[in-house]
Amino acid sequence: MIDYKANPFYLDEEAIAWVEETFRSMSKDEKCGQVFCPMGFSSDEKVLSGIVNGAGVGGMMYRTGAGEEIQETHRKIQQMAKIPLLLAANTESGGDGLAMEGTGFGKPMAVAATGDPSYGYKMGYVACKEGAALGLNWSFAPIVDINKDFHNPITNVRTFGDDPEKIVAFASGYMKGADENEVAVSIKHFPGDGVDERDQHIVTSVNSLSAGEWDESFGYIYKTLIGKGAKTVMVGHIALPAYVKELNADADRETLLRPASLSYELLTGLLRGKLSFNGLITTDATPMVGFTSAMPRSAAIPTAIQNGCDMILFNKDLGEDIGFLKKGLETGLLSEERLDEAVLRILATKASLGLHRKQKEGTLVPGKEALSVLGCAQHKKWAEEVADRAITLVRDEKNLLPLSVAKYRRVYLNIIDREMDPESPFVKRWEALFAKEGFEVTVRDRRCRITPADFADMEHLPEQKRVLLNEMYRGIGEMKKDYDLYVYICNMENASNNTTLRLNWNVMFGLGDDAPWHASEIPMLMISTAYPYHLFDAPMIGTYINAYSGNEEFCRSVMDKLMGRSGFQGISPVDPFCGKEYIL
């Protein structure tokens, strides 16, 4: 069932021999451990030994940390492992996906906004070159989801946009950069996120496209990238009922709405069958509600492998999950044949990366000298180029730009993010950027809010609330005496386990507070650094910029463009007007 010499393995006889000999030497317990890739939380040798030697896992993934520490931890676990490990990270947008000192290249949507697919290659090269310096050999990227529903809180700037052709172009570039650094990619999140407005972290979301619509969009993307040699596919906890029905006319409602990570029809029928994928299939993180709510975990773990996944990503309890897998073997929920196939694909993936040879050579993790590539000058230069070319002026209806200090000296700066902390580094960065240009900046403290209770005791209100009440009640003429320009900077970053990224204003009794109620009274500018669709909630804003990233390079580049030192070059990879004519 596995063609070792074909795409994406291309194994020679030596590598095939290693796969087969290693497989024959494995006990049933070792095979069960090999299909798990837990999250790494510790660098303690006893803890690591229990995971690598005790459980015998096939891979591990660490979140961003200090480069030297991550590298040393990777070195420890590769030295412990009998079979070399797949070491993964979410290097979706640069080396900072694994190392704090790594290069933040820019979000995928920013890269796509350059209109130049060569930056997709540079993105993959930088992410995987810096990751490989720490021992990375498996990148959970590129993201190939399509932004079809602008309400989706988890895709947006993490994607290359809403055009399948553009997604293929930039993702192909990323793959080339990864291949050059001997890092396997994992195209994700099959069968495709961005159609449902919900997040698979907290619900089994649904890709509601028809089979034909899917073939022309997500199907085209996956088929093309599989053909180009993607070694692994990450499967989301996303249902695709139309295709399940296409492949299984008798499917009941439960089967139709089963997440792809547990669906035989989508894993074996569509991905393995129709798309002819020969590589490794991994689940997305299995502690996600989209997976855990579908069926009891004792059934879900063996079912995921039986129905077509080769690897289980993350755990609730590793020992318990391995126990569930073994129990599934005993009860027949999981066949030994299917487990063996999964293990062989894992071994073949490792061999395709040359891990068996590197293990013999002692080169699975490079020396400390390799860390010098983190955040190096060339990588920073490319990131700055992306920032310069990506930032998009969506509209400037009243020709507000470029800004003039003489005309708009007094700036009211309202930064909207989850922290609502006027002393945060992000707020201070923007305050300093405006001040450096000569503007007098007043920063809105969004932690201060007027509540109904405040009106019951007006005499004892804190000074800050008195000022805020004055802002809410004073006349237009008086307000214009204090401020020449209102600047909103929205840094509503996407993150897992969120239901929305919509703007929420501090509003009391319809009095506005920090909402742009005065858009027709005072010149107003909005800059979004993390979400391209804020015009949906702020259609009254006449000058709107999508920066796609809040990285320092992007903030500096925005300021250069505001002041007219640099032109806007970005081409929006999505419709920032959300298909709503009334926003135009």
Foldseek 3Di string as FASTA:
>chain_A
DFDCCDFQQNDDPVLVVVLVVVLVPDDPQLLLQAQEEAEDDDLDLVVLCCNCVVSVYQAYEYFEDALVSLLVSLLSSQVNHPAGHQYEFQLAQALRRHYVLFDRQFALCLLLQLVDLLLLLLRLQRNQLLVVLSLHAEHADDELAAQPAQFAQFPFSNANYHDQVSRLSSRLSNCVSSVVNLHAYAYDAPPHDNQFSFFQLAAQAEDADAPVVSCVHSVVSLLVVSVVRRQEYEYELYFYLNQLCVQPVPDDPLQRSGGLLLHLCNQVVPVCNVSVRNAAYEYDACVRCSNCVSDPLLLSLQSSQQSHHLHYYHDPDSVVSSVSNVVCCVVVSHDPVSSSSSSSRSSSSCVSSVVVVCSVVVVSHPDPVSNCSGNDPVSVVSSLVSLQSRKAWPFQQPPCPQPDCVQWQEEEEEEDEDVLACPDPLNVLLVVLSVVVRHHYDYDRVVDADDPVCVVCVPPDPPVVVVLVCVLPPDLVVVVVRGQEYEYEYEYARDPPDSGSADDFRDDPNSQRPNVPCLVRHQYEYEYAHRLAHLVVVLSHRTYMYSNHSDPSNSNSVSCCSNPVGDHNTDRSYPNPSPDPVSD
